[in-house]
Protein backbone atom coordinates (compact mmCIF):
# COMPACT_ATOMS: atom_id res chain seq x y z
CA MET A 1 81.94 -18.21 157.34
CA LYS A 2 81.86 -21.31 159.54
CA ARG A 3 79.96 -23.31 156.89
CA HIS A 4 83.05 -23.17 154.67
CA ILE A 5 85.45 -24.60 157.28
CA PRO A 6 84.58 -28.32 156.76
CA ASN A 7 84.81 -27.93 152.97
CA ALA A 8 88.20 -26.23 153.35
CA ILE A 9 89.41 -29.24 155.36
CA THR A 10 88.05 -31.56 152.65
CA CYS A 11 89.94 -29.54 150.03
CA ALA A 12 93.09 -30.02 152.11
CA ASN A 13 92.45 -33.77 151.85
CA LEU A 14 92.20 -33.40 148.07
CA PHE A 15 95.33 -31.24 147.87
CA SER A 16 97.34 -33.76 149.91
CA GLY A 17 96.13 -36.55 147.65
CA CYS A 18 97.22 -34.66 144.54
CA ILE A 19 100.71 -34.13 145.95
CA GLY A 20 100.87 -37.81 146.91
CA ILE A 21 100.01 -38.78 143.31
CA VAL A 22 102.88 -36.66 142.00
CA PHE A 23 105.35 -38.44 144.28
CA ALA A 24 103.84 -41.84 143.43
CA PHE A 25 104.34 -41.27 139.71
CA LYS A 26 107.93 -40.28 140.46
CA GLY A 27 108.38 -43.63 142.21
CA GLU A 28 108.79 -42.07 145.66
CA LEU A 29 106.15 -44.32 147.18
CA GLN A 30 107.07 -43.82 150.81
CA ILE A 31 106.67 -40.05 150.53
CA ALA A 32 103.36 -40.63 148.74
CA ALA A 33 102.26 -42.78 151.67
CA TYR A 34 102.87 -39.94 154.12
CA PHE A 35 100.57 -37.71 152.08
CA VAL A 36 97.95 -40.47 152.22
CA ILE A 37 98.19 -40.35 156.01
CA LEU A 38 97.81 -36.56 155.88
CA SER A 39 94.75 -36.93 153.65
CA GLY A 40 93.34 -39.41 156.14
CA VAL A 41 93.76 -36.91 158.97
CA PHE A 42 91.89 -34.24 157.01
CA ASP A 43 89.21 -36.78 156.02
CA PHE A 44 88.71 -37.70 159.67
CA PHE A 45 88.29 -34.10 160.84
CA ASP A 46 86.13 -32.62 158.06
CA GLY A 47 83.07 -34.62 159.09
CA MET A 48 83.75 -34.10 162.79
CA VAL A 49 84.02 -30.33 162.32
CA ALA A 50 80.84 -30.30 160.18
CA ARG A 51 78.94 -32.05 162.96
CA MET A 52 80.39 -29.77 165.65
CA LEU A 53 79.42 -26.66 163.68
CA ASN A 54 76.13 -28.20 162.50
CA VAL A 55 76.84 -27.22 158.90
CA LYS A 56 76.20 -30.46 156.99
CA SER A 57 75.33 -30.03 153.31
CA ASN A 58 74.90 -32.09 150.15
CA ILE A 59 77.74 -30.14 148.55
CA GLY A 60 80.02 -31.07 151.42
CA LYS A 61 79.03 -34.73 151.08
CA ASP A 62 79.72 -34.74 147.33
CA LEU A 63 82.98 -32.83 147.76
CA ASP A 64 84.11 -35.36 150.36
CA SER A 65 83.52 -38.25 147.94
CA LEU A 66 85.32 -36.46 145.11
CA ALA A 67 88.31 -35.77 147.36
CA ASP A 68 88.29 -39.38 148.56
CA MET A 69 88.24 -40.60 144.96
CA VAL A 70 91.57 -38.85 144.38
CA SER A 71 93.27 -39.54 147.72
CA PHE A 72 91.86 -43.01 148.38
CA GLY A 73 90.96 -44.17 144.88
CA PHE A 74 93.40 -42.95 142.28
CA LEU A 75 96.44 -42.61 144.55
CA PRO A 76 96.46 -46.25 145.79
CA GLY A 77 95.99 -47.34 142.17
CA VAL A 78 99.11 -45.40 141.17
CA ILE A 79 101.08 -46.88 144.08
CA MET A 80 100.06 -50.41 143.11
CA PHE A 81 100.87 -49.60 139.46
CA GLN A 82 104.41 -48.68 140.48
CA LEU A 83 104.72 -51.78 142.66
CA LEU A 84 103.68 -54.00 139.74
CA LYS A 85 106.21 -52.27 137.50
CA SER A 86 108.89 -53.24 140.02
CA SER A 87 107.72 -56.85 140.21
CA ASP A 88 108.63 -59.87 138.09
CA TYR A 89 105.81 -59.24 135.62
CA THR A 90 106.16 -60.52 132.06
CA SER A 91 103.74 -58.25 130.18
CA GLU A 92 104.09 -54.50 129.82
CA TYR A 93 100.31 -54.20 130.13
CA LEU A 94 99.98 -56.15 133.35
CA PRO A 95 100.72 -53.20 135.73
CA TYR A 96 97.54 -51.50 134.52
CA LEU A 97 95.58 -54.08 136.50
CA ALA A 98 96.45 -51.87 139.48
CA PHE A 99 93.72 -49.45 138.48
CA PHE A 100 91.06 -52.01 139.34
CA ILE A 101 91.64 -50.63 142.84
CA THR A 102 90.65 -47.21 141.51
CA ILE A 103 87.59 -48.61 139.72
CA PHE A 104 86.32 -50.52 142.74
CA SER A 105 87.05 -47.53 144.99
CA ALA A 106 84.78 -45.46 142.75
CA LEU A 107 82.09 -48.14 142.93
CA ARG A 108 82.45 -48.26 146.70
CA LEU A 109 82.10 -44.46 147.05
CA ALA A 110 79.09 -44.36 144.71
CA LYS A 111 77.50 -47.20 146.67
CA PHE A 112 78.16 -45.41 149.95
CA ASN A 113 76.51 -42.19 148.72
CA ASN A 114 73.34 -44.00 147.69
CA ASP A 115 73.05 -46.73 150.31
CA GLU A 116 70.78 -45.67 153.18
CA ARG A 117 72.13 -48.55 155.28
CA GLN A 118 75.48 -46.76 155.61
CA THR A 119 74.47 -43.65 157.52
CA GLN A 120 76.26 -44.76 160.71
CA ASP A 121 78.62 -47.55 159.68
CA PHE A 122 79.95 -49.08 156.47
CA ILE A 123 79.00 -51.99 154.28
CA GLY A 124 82.21 -52.97 152.55
CA LEU A 125 85.72 -51.87 153.42
CA ASN A 126 86.09 -48.09 153.47
CA THR A 127 88.53 -46.55 151.00
CA PRO A 128 90.86 -44.84 153.53
CA MET A 129 91.57 -48.12 155.34
CA ASN A 130 92.12 -49.92 152.04
CA THR A 131 94.49 -47.18 150.88
CA LEU A 132 96.44 -47.28 154.13
CA PHE A 133 96.97 -51.00 153.58
CA ILE A 134 98.16 -50.49 149.97
CA CYS A 135 100.50 -47.70 151.06
CA SER A 136 102.07 -49.89 153.73
CA LEU A 137 103.41 -52.31 151.11
CA PRO A 138 106.43 -50.19 150.03
CA PHE A 139 107.50 -49.92 153.67
CA ILE A 140 107.00 -53.62 154.34
CA ALA A 141 109.03 -54.37 151.21
CA ILE A 142 112.10 -52.78 152.80
CA ASP A 143 112.43 -55.80 155.09
CA TYR A 144 110.49 -58.24 152.92
CA PRO A 145 111.39 -57.44 149.28
CA SER A 146 109.43 -60.45 148.02
CA ILE A 147 106.29 -58.36 148.60
CA ILE A 148 106.97 -56.21 145.55
CA SER A 149 108.81 -58.81 143.50
CA SER A 150 105.90 -61.27 143.35
CA THR A 151 103.44 -60.30 140.63
CA ILE A 152 101.07 -63.09 141.69
CA LEU A 153 100.96 -61.79 145.26
CA LEU A 154 100.28 -58.21 144.14
CA ILE A 155 97.50 -59.31 141.78
CA GLY A 156 96.03 -61.33 144.64
CA ILE A 157 96.04 -58.22 146.81
CA ILE A 158 94.28 -56.27 144.05
CA ALA A 159 91.60 -58.96 143.76
CA VAL A 160 90.99 -59.30 147.50
CA THR A 161 90.90 -55.58 148.27
CA SER A 162 88.65 -54.87 145.26
CA PHE A 163 86.23 -57.50 146.53
CA LEU A 164 86.29 -56.11 150.07
CA LEU A 165 85.52 -52.60 148.84
CA VAL A 166 82.17 -53.62 147.33
CA SER A 167 81.36 -56.56 149.62
CA GLU A 168 78.38 -56.77 151.97
CA ILE A 169 80.65 -57.08 155.01
CA LYS A 170 79.58 -54.69 157.79
CA ILE A 171 82.41 -52.46 159.04
CA PHE A 172 82.12 -50.01 161.92
CA SER A 173 82.95 -46.38 161.25
CA LEU A 174 85.82 -44.73 163.10
CA LYS A 175 84.11 -41.35 163.21
CA PHE A 176 82.97 -40.34 166.71
CA SER A 177 79.79 -38.46 167.56
CA ASN A 178 80.87 -38.40 171.23
CA LEU A 179 83.66 -39.77 173.42
CA SER A 180 81.56 -42.11 175.55
CA TRP A 181 83.32 -45.43 176.23
CA GLN A 182 80.07 -47.37 176.23
CA ALA A 183 78.94 -45.97 172.89
CA ASN A 184 82.35 -46.33 171.25
CA LYS A 185 83.85 -49.33 173.04
CA VAL A 186 84.72 -51.31 169.90
CA LYS A 187 86.32 -48.24 168.32
CA PHE A 188 88.48 -47.53 171.37
CA ILE A 189 89.54 -51.18 171.59
CA PHE A 190 90.47 -51.15 167.92
CA LEU A 191 92.46 -47.92 168.22
CA ILE A 192 94.32 -49.12 171.33
CA LEU A 193 95.24 -52.50 169.83
CA SER A 194 96.21 -50.82 166.54
CA ALA A 195 98.46 -48.36 168.36
CA VAL A 196 100.21 -51.24 170.13
CA LEU A 197 100.70 -53.14 166.86
CA ILE A 198 102.06 -50.07 165.07
CA ALA A 199 104.38 -49.24 167.98
CA VAL A 200 105.85 -52.75 167.82
CA LEU A 201 105.79 -53.50 164.09
CA LYS A 202 105.59 -50.02 162.54
CA PHE A 203 104.24 -50.14 158.95
CA ALA A 204 104.42 -53.94 158.94
CA ALA A 205 101.52 -53.80 161.40
CA ILE A 206 99.05 -52.38 158.86
CA PRO A 207 97.98 -55.74 157.33
CA PHE A 208 97.34 -57.01 160.88
CA VAL A 209 95.42 -53.82 161.66
CA LEU A 210 93.25 -54.43 158.59
CA VAL A 211 92.51 -58.01 159.68
CA LEU A 212 91.80 -56.75 163.21
CA TYR A 213 89.41 -54.11 161.82
CA ILE A 214 87.42 -56.64 159.82
CA GLY A 215 87.48 -59.20 162.65
CA LEU A 216 86.28 -56.77 165.34
CA SER A 217 83.60 -55.49 162.97
CA PHE A 218 82.33 -59.04 162.48
CA LEU A 219 82.21 -59.69 166.23
CA HIS A 220 80.68 -56.27 166.96
CA PHE A 221 77.78 -56.60 164.54
CA ARG A 222 77.22 -60.26 165.34
CA ASN A 223 76.92 -59.35 169.01
CA ALA A 224 74.60 -56.45 168.16
CA GLU A 225 72.33 -58.80 166.21
CA ARG A 226 72.30 -61.28 169.10
CA ILE A 227 71.30 -58.53 171.55
CA SER A 228 68.56 -57.22 169.25
CA LYS A 229 66.99 -60.67 169.18
C-alpha cells in the first residue's frame, strides 16, 4: 500500500494543475496561480515521501514528469497566452508564442530524465520555479499594469525563461535528503531570504527570488569547484 502513496501525491499535483488550467482559460489568472502553488507543494512532497518510504520506481519518475508537464509546462503557457491577449499586441497569432514556454518546459523535463548529471541538482532552471515566476506576473500587474500591456516585455520574458529552462546553468535542488544545516546551508539561506522578500513585497518578490536563486546557485557551485581543486 505504501508504494502507492508518492504516486497519489503526484496525481494530486496533476489534478491541481488541471484545475489551474481551467481557471487560466477562463481568464482568472490569480486563481490559477494559487493552484500552481498547490501543485508545487505536492511536487515537493511526493519525492520526499518516496525517499522516506524507500519506494522509488521508474513509473513514479515518469508520472512525476508527466504531472509536471501539465502543471509546470502547459499551465504557465496558458497564463502567458492570456497575458499576451491582454497586451498591446497587433497580430491575432502573436499570443500563441506563449506556448514556447510549454515547448521548452517539455525539452527541459526530457533532458532532466535522461541527463545523469542531474541526479542531485539541476542543469537549467527547473520548471516549478519558472512557472512560479510566470504566475507572479498577473499579481505584479495589479500595481504595475505595464507588465501585461507591453507585448515586447512579455515576449522578452518568454525568450529569457525558455533559454534558462534548457541552459547549462547549474541550479541547486530544493529537495532535502536531511535537515542538516551544513549539508543544506545554501538552501536554508535561499529559503530564509526568499521568505523575507515575499513578506515585504508579496508576489512582486518572485522575480527577485528567481534572480536570488540563480545567483546563489552560481556562487554555490563556483565555491564547490574551488574547494574540489
